[in-house]
Amino acid sequence: MALNIYTIIRRPVLTEKSSDRINDLKKVTFEVDPKANKASVKEALEKLFRVNVESVNIKIRKGKNRVFKRVKSKGPLTKQAIVTLKDSQSFDTLAQLVSGRLVIGKSAASNGTETTRE
């Protein structure tokens, strides 16, 4: 199966360490396809979310060995991309998207309250 921009980015990583990176270092962490490289991750993020990516760091975590009733197995390989963005405007948009607080638009009510994605 060939990689395209929709299969490269799997999901955002929402851990305590990744949320500290978002707040302190202005970096966002995603789980990506194991076949993806830095250039393909950068291209996918720029096309999907319309942001300017400064740098991409890749972290590979090999699967853990497990034993269950004398049967050995190995967990899946996971790959994470730690992304640094160029400008703060695109960072704010992407950070809100990752944390689930992206503002979709005005509601139909006349009071002008905004609806959020949850």
N, C-alpha and C. Protein backbone atom coordinates (compact mmCIF):
# COMPACT_ATOMS: atom_id res chain seq x y z
N MET A 1 0.85 -1.18 0.00
CA MET A 1 0.00 0.00 0.00
C MET A 1 0.89 1.24 0.00
N ALA A 2 0.62 2.13 -0.92
CA ALA A 2 1.39 3.37 -1.01
C ALA A 2 0.89 4.37 0.03
N LEU A 3 1.83 5.14 0.53
CA LEU A 3 1.46 6.16 1.52
C LEU A 3 0.92 7.40 0.82
N ASN A 4 -0.16 7.94 1.35
CA ASN A 4 -0.63 9.24 0.90
C ASN A 4 -0.78 10.13 2.13
N ILE A 5 -1.12 11.39 1.94
CA ILE A 5 -1.12 12.32 3.06
C ILE A 5 -2.18 11.98 4.11
N TYR A 6 -3.19 11.20 3.73
CA TYR A 6 -4.24 10.85 4.67
C TYR A 6 -3.89 9.64 5.54
N THR A 7 -2.92 8.83 5.12
CA THR A 7 -2.54 7.66 5.91
C THR A 7 -1.24 7.87 6.67
N ILE A 8 -0.52 8.94 6.40
CA ILE A 8 0.75 9.18 7.10
C ILE A 8 0.51 9.55 8.55
N ILE A 9 -0.35 10.53 8.80
CA ILE A 9 -0.65 10.98 10.16
C ILE A 9 -1.75 10.09 10.72
N ARG A 10 -1.45 9.36 11.80
CA ARG A 10 -2.46 8.47 12.38
C ARG A 10 -3.30 9.17 13.43
N ARG A 11 -2.64 9.76 14.43
CA ARG A 11 -3.38 10.44 15.49
C ARG A 11 -2.42 11.28 16.31
N PRO A 12 -2.94 12.27 17.02
CA PRO A 12 -2.06 13.03 17.93
C PRO A 12 -1.77 12.22 19.19
N VAL A 13 -0.61 12.46 19.76
CA VAL A 13 -0.22 11.79 21.00
C VAL A 13 -0.58 12.71 22.15
N LEU A 14 -1.47 12.27 23.02
CA LEU A 14 -1.94 13.07 24.13
C LEU A 14 -1.48 12.46 25.45
N THR A 15 -0.25 12.75 25.82
CA THR A 15 0.31 12.29 27.08
C THR A 15 0.73 13.52 27.88
N GLU A 16 1.14 13.29 29.11
CA GLU A 16 1.59 14.40 29.94
C GLU A 16 2.84 15.05 29.35
N LYS A 17 3.74 14.23 28.86
CA LYS A 17 4.97 14.75 28.28
C LYS A 17 4.71 15.54 26.99
N SER A 18 3.80 15.05 26.15
CA SER A 18 3.50 15.77 24.92
C SER A 18 2.75 17.07 25.19
N SER A 19 1.90 17.09 26.23
CA SER A 19 1.22 18.34 26.55
C SER A 19 2.19 19.36 27.15
N ASP A 20 3.21 18.88 27.87
CA ASP A 20 4.27 19.80 28.34
C ASP A 20 5.04 20.38 27.17
N ARG A 21 5.29 19.55 26.14
CA ARG A 21 5.97 20.05 24.94
C ARG A 21 5.14 21.11 24.24
N ILE A 22 3.82 20.92 24.19
CA ILE A 22 2.95 21.90 23.55
C ILE A 22 3.02 23.23 24.29
N ASN A 23 2.92 23.19 25.60
CA ASN A 23 2.88 24.42 26.39
C ASN A 23 4.23 25.11 26.49
N ASP A 24 5.30 24.36 26.71
CA ASP A 24 6.60 24.97 26.97
C ASP A 24 7.44 25.17 25.71
N LEU A 25 7.52 24.15 24.87
CA LEU A 25 8.44 24.19 23.73
C LEU A 25 7.75 24.50 22.40
N LYS A 26 6.42 24.61 22.40
CA LYS A 26 5.65 24.87 21.18
C LYS A 26 5.88 23.80 20.12
N LYS A 27 5.83 22.53 20.57
CA LYS A 27 5.99 21.39 19.67
C LYS A 27 4.78 20.49 19.81
N VAL A 28 4.36 19.87 18.71
CA VAL A 28 3.19 19.00 18.69
C VAL A 28 3.65 17.60 18.29
N THR A 29 3.11 16.57 18.96
CA THR A 29 3.53 15.19 18.71
C THR A 29 2.39 14.41 18.06
N PHE A 30 2.74 13.67 16.99
CA PHE A 30 1.78 12.83 16.28
C PHE A 30 2.32 11.41 16.18
N GLU A 31 1.42 10.43 16.17
CA GLU A 31 1.82 9.08 15.81
C GLU A 31 1.67 8.98 14.30
N VAL A 32 2.70 8.47 13.65
CA VAL A 32 2.71 8.40 12.19
C VAL A 32 2.92 6.96 11.74
N ASP A 33 2.72 6.73 10.45
CA ASP A 33 2.91 5.42 9.86
C ASP A 33 4.39 5.03 9.97
N PRO A 34 4.70 3.76 10.28
CA PRO A 34 6.10 3.36 10.41
C PRO A 34 6.92 3.51 9.13
N LYS A 35 6.29 3.57 7.98
CA LYS A 35 7.01 3.73 6.71
C LYS A 35 7.26 5.19 6.36
N ALA A 36 6.69 6.12 7.11
CA ALA A 36 6.81 7.54 6.81
C ALA A 36 8.19 8.06 7.20
N ASN A 37 8.66 9.07 6.46
CA ASN A 37 9.91 9.73 6.81
C ASN A 37 9.64 11.20 7.11
N LYS A 38 10.69 11.95 7.45
CA LYS A 38 10.50 13.35 7.86
C LYS A 38 9.89 14.20 6.75
N ALA A 39 10.34 14.02 5.54
CA ALA A 39 9.83 14.82 4.42
C ALA A 39 8.35 14.54 4.16
N SER A 40 7.95 13.27 4.24
CA SER A 40 6.53 12.95 3.98
C SER A 40 5.64 13.46 5.11
N VAL A 41 6.13 13.42 6.36
CA VAL A 41 5.35 13.94 7.49
C VAL A 41 5.18 15.45 7.34
N LYS A 42 6.25 16.15 6.97
CA LYS A 42 6.18 17.60 6.78
C LYS A 42 5.19 17.96 5.68
N GLU A 43 5.26 17.25 4.57
CA GLU A 43 4.36 17.52 3.44
C GLU A 43 2.91 17.26 3.83
N ALA A 44 2.65 16.16 4.54
CA ALA A 44 1.28 15.82 4.94
C ALA A 44 0.71 16.86 5.89
N LEU A 45 1.49 17.31 6.87
CA LEU A 45 0.99 18.32 7.81
C LEU A 45 0.72 19.65 7.12
N GLU A 46 1.60 20.05 6.21
CA GLU A 46 1.40 21.32 5.52
C GLU A 46 0.18 21.28 4.62
N LYS A 47 -0.08 20.16 3.98
CA LYS A 47 -1.25 20.07 3.09
C LYS A 47 -2.55 19.86 3.86
N LEU A 48 -2.53 19.04 4.89
CA LEU A 48 -3.76 18.74 5.63
C LEU A 48 -4.22 19.91 6.49
N PHE A 49 -3.29 20.51 7.25
CA PHE A 49 -3.67 21.52 8.23
C PHE A 49 -3.30 22.94 7.83
N ARG A 50 -2.66 23.12 6.67
CA ARG A 50 -2.27 24.44 6.17
C ARG A 50 -1.43 25.20 7.20
N VAL A 51 -0.36 24.55 7.66
CA VAL A 51 0.56 25.16 8.61
C VAL A 51 1.96 25.18 8.00
N ASN A 52 2.84 26.00 8.57
CA ASN A 52 4.22 26.06 8.13
C ASN A 52 5.09 25.29 9.12
N VAL A 53 5.66 24.19 8.67
CA VAL A 53 6.45 23.32 9.53
C VAL A 53 7.92 23.73 9.44
N GLU A 54 8.52 23.96 10.61
CA GLU A 54 9.94 24.31 10.65
C GLU A 54 10.81 23.06 10.65
N SER A 55 10.52 22.13 11.56
CA SER A 55 11.32 20.90 11.63
C SER A 55 10.47 19.74 12.12
N VAL A 56 10.94 18.54 11.78
CA VAL A 56 10.28 17.31 12.19
C VAL A 56 11.35 16.38 12.77
N ASN A 57 11.12 15.89 13.98
CA ASN A 57 11.98 14.89 14.59
C ASN A 57 11.19 13.59 14.70
N ILE A 58 11.84 12.47 14.38
CA ILE A 58 11.18 11.17 14.39
C ILE A 58 11.72 10.35 15.55
N LYS A 59 10.80 9.68 16.27
CA LYS A 59 11.17 8.80 17.38
C LYS A 59 10.53 7.44 17.12
N ILE A 60 11.35 6.38 17.13
CA ILE A 60 10.86 5.03 16.88
C ILE A 60 10.87 4.24 18.18
N ARG A 61 9.75 3.59 18.48
CA ARG A 61 9.65 2.75 19.67
C ARG A 61 9.38 1.33 19.20
N LYS A 62 10.32 0.46 19.46
CA LYS A 62 10.16 -0.93 19.06
C LYS A 62 9.17 -1.62 19.99
N GLY A 63 8.51 -2.65 19.49
CA GLY A 63 7.51 -3.35 20.27
C GLY A 63 8.12 -4.13 21.42
N LYS A 64 7.37 -4.24 22.50
CA LYS A 64 7.83 -4.97 23.68
C LYS A 64 7.62 -6.47 23.50
N ASN A 65 8.55 -7.26 24.06
CA ASN A 65 8.39 -8.71 24.06
C ASN A 65 7.43 -9.09 25.18
N ARG A 66 6.52 -10.02 24.87
CA ARG A 66 5.54 -10.46 25.84
C ARG A 66 5.49 -11.98 25.86
N VAL A 67 5.12 -12.54 27.01
CA VAL A 67 4.95 -13.98 27.14
C VAL A 67 3.60 -14.21 27.81
N PHE A 68 2.76 -15.02 27.17
CA PHE A 68 1.46 -15.36 27.73
C PHE A 68 1.26 -16.86 27.55
N LYS A 69 1.20 -17.59 28.64
CA LYS A 69 1.04 -19.05 28.62
C LYS A 69 2.09 -19.71 27.72
N ARG A 70 3.33 -19.32 27.94
CA ARG A 70 4.49 -19.86 27.22
C ARG A 70 4.50 -19.53 25.74
N VAL A 71 3.68 -18.61 25.30
CA VAL A 71 3.68 -18.18 23.91
C VAL A 71 4.30 -16.80 23.85
N LYS A 72 5.38 -16.67 23.10
CA LYS A 72 6.07 -15.38 22.99
C LYS A 72 5.48 -14.59 21.83
N SER A 73 5.33 -13.31 22.06
CA SER A 73 4.86 -12.42 21.00
C SER A 73 5.57 -11.08 21.14
N LYS A 74 5.47 -10.29 20.12
CA LYS A 74 6.11 -8.99 20.13
C LYS A 74 5.07 -7.94 19.78
N GLY A 75 5.06 -6.83 20.52
CA GLY A 75 4.12 -5.75 20.27
C GLY A 75 4.46 -4.99 19.00
N PRO A 76 3.59 -4.12 18.58
CA PRO A 76 3.81 -3.40 17.32
C PRO A 76 4.85 -2.28 17.46
N LEU A 77 5.52 -2.00 16.36
CA LEU A 77 6.44 -0.88 16.27
C LEU A 77 5.63 0.40 16.11
N THR A 78 5.96 1.43 16.88
CA THR A 78 5.28 2.70 16.74
C THR A 78 6.29 3.78 16.42
N LYS A 79 5.86 4.76 15.66
CA LYS A 79 6.72 5.85 15.24
C LYS A 79 6.02 7.16 15.57
N GLN A 80 6.75 8.07 16.22
CA GLN A 80 6.18 9.37 16.57
C GLN A 80 6.96 10.47 15.88
N ALA A 81 6.25 11.50 15.47
CA ALA A 81 6.86 12.68 14.87
C ALA A 81 6.63 13.86 15.79
N ILE A 82 7.71 14.52 16.20
CA ILE A 82 7.63 15.71 17.03
C ILE A 82 7.85 16.90 16.10
N VAL A 83 6.82 17.73 15.95
CA VAL A 83 6.80 18.77 14.93
C VAL A 83 6.95 20.15 15.56
N THR A 84 7.87 20.95 15.03
CA THR A 84 8.03 22.34 15.42
C THR A 84 7.49 23.21 14.29
N LEU A 85 6.63 24.17 14.63
CA LEU A 85 6.02 25.04 13.63
C LEU A 85 6.72 26.39 13.57
N LYS A 86 6.67 27.04 12.40
CA LYS A 86 7.38 28.30 12.19
C LYS A 86 6.73 29.47 12.90
N ASP A 87 5.44 29.65 12.72
CA ASP A 87 4.79 30.84 13.29
C ASP A 87 3.77 30.45 14.35
N SER A 88 3.49 31.37 15.23
CA SER A 88 2.61 31.08 16.36
C SER A 88 1.16 30.94 15.93
N GLN A 89 0.75 31.58 14.85
CA GLN A 89 -0.64 31.47 14.37
C GLN A 89 -0.96 30.03 13.99
N SER A 90 -0.09 29.40 13.22
CA SER A 90 -0.35 28.02 12.82
C SER A 90 -0.19 27.09 14.01
N PHE A 91 0.68 27.42 14.97
CA PHE A 91 0.81 26.59 16.17
C PHE A 91 -0.48 26.61 16.98
N ASP A 92 -1.07 27.78 17.16
CA ASP A 92 -2.30 27.88 17.94
C ASP A 92 -3.41 27.05 17.32
N THR A 93 -3.53 27.11 16.00
CA THR A 93 -4.56 26.34 15.31
C THR A 93 -4.34 24.85 15.48
N LEU A 94 -3.11 24.40 15.28
CA LEU A 94 -2.81 22.97 15.37
C LEU A 94 -2.90 22.47 16.81
N ALA A 95 -2.47 23.27 17.77
CA ALA A 95 -2.55 22.87 19.18
C ALA A 95 -4.01 22.75 19.63
N GLN A 96 -4.86 23.64 19.16
CA GLN A 96 -6.28 23.54 19.48
C GLN A 96 -6.90 22.31 18.84
N LEU A 97 -6.47 21.98 17.63
CA LEU A 97 -6.98 20.80 16.96
C LEU A 97 -6.58 19.54 17.70
N VAL A 98 -5.32 19.48 18.14
CA VAL A 98 -4.82 18.31 18.86
C VAL A 98 -5.52 18.14 20.19
N SER A 99 -5.72 19.23 20.92
CA SER A 99 -6.33 19.13 22.23
C SER A 99 -7.85 19.01 22.17
N GLY A 100 -8.44 19.13 20.99
CA GLY A 100 -9.89 18.98 20.84
C GLY A 100 -10.68 20.23 21.14
N ARG A 101 -10.04 21.39 21.17
CA ARG A 101 -10.73 22.64 21.47
C ARG A 101 -10.84 23.55 20.24
N LEU A 102 -10.82 22.97 19.05
CA LEU A 102 -10.89 23.78 17.84
C LEU A 102 -12.27 24.40 17.70
N VAL A 103 -12.33 25.70 17.46
CA VAL A 103 -13.59 26.41 17.29
C VAL A 103 -14.06 26.19 15.86
N ILE A 104 -15.23 25.61 15.70
CA ILE A 104 -15.75 25.29 14.37
C ILE A 104 -16.40 26.51 13.74
N GLY A 105 -17.24 27.22 14.45
CA GLY A 105 -17.88 28.38 13.87
C GLY A 105 -18.98 28.90 14.77
N LYS A 106 -19.70 29.90 14.28
CA LYS A 106 -20.80 30.48 15.05
C LYS A 106 -21.99 29.53 15.05
N SER A 107 -22.69 29.48 16.18
CA SER A 107 -23.87 28.63 16.27
C SER A 107 -25.07 29.36 15.64
N ALA A 108 -26.16 28.64 15.49
CA ALA A 108 -27.35 29.21 14.88
C ALA A 108 -28.08 30.16 15.82
N ALA A 109 -27.72 30.12 17.08
CA ALA A 109 -28.39 31.00 18.05
C ALA A 109 -28.02 32.45 17.79
N SER A 110 -28.91 33.34 18.14
CA SER A 110 -28.69 34.76 17.87
C SER A 110 -27.74 35.41 18.87
N ASN A 111 -27.39 34.68 19.96
CA ASN A 111 -26.52 35.29 20.95
C ASN A 111 -25.06 35.29 20.53
N GLY A 112 -24.70 34.60 19.45
CA GLY A 112 -23.35 34.66 18.91
C GLY A 112 -22.35 33.80 19.67
N THR A 113 -22.81 32.83 20.44
CA THR A 113 -21.86 31.96 21.11
C THR A 113 -21.23 31.01 20.10
N GLU A 114 -20.00 30.58 20.39
CA GLU A 114 -19.31 29.71 19.47
C GLU A 114 -19.43 28.28 19.92
N THR A 115 -19.51 27.36 18.97
CA THR A 115 -19.54 25.94 19.29
C THR A 115 -18.14 25.39 19.20
N THR A 116 -17.83 24.48 20.07
CA THR A 116 -16.50 23.87 20.05
C THR A 116 -16.61 22.40 19.78
N ARG A 117 -15.56 21.86 19.24
CA ARG A 117 -15.52 20.43 18.95
C ARG A 117 -15.06 19.70 20.19
N GLU A 118 -15.80 18.69 20.62
CA GLU A 118 -15.43 17.94 21.81
C GLU A 118 -15.39 16.48 21.53
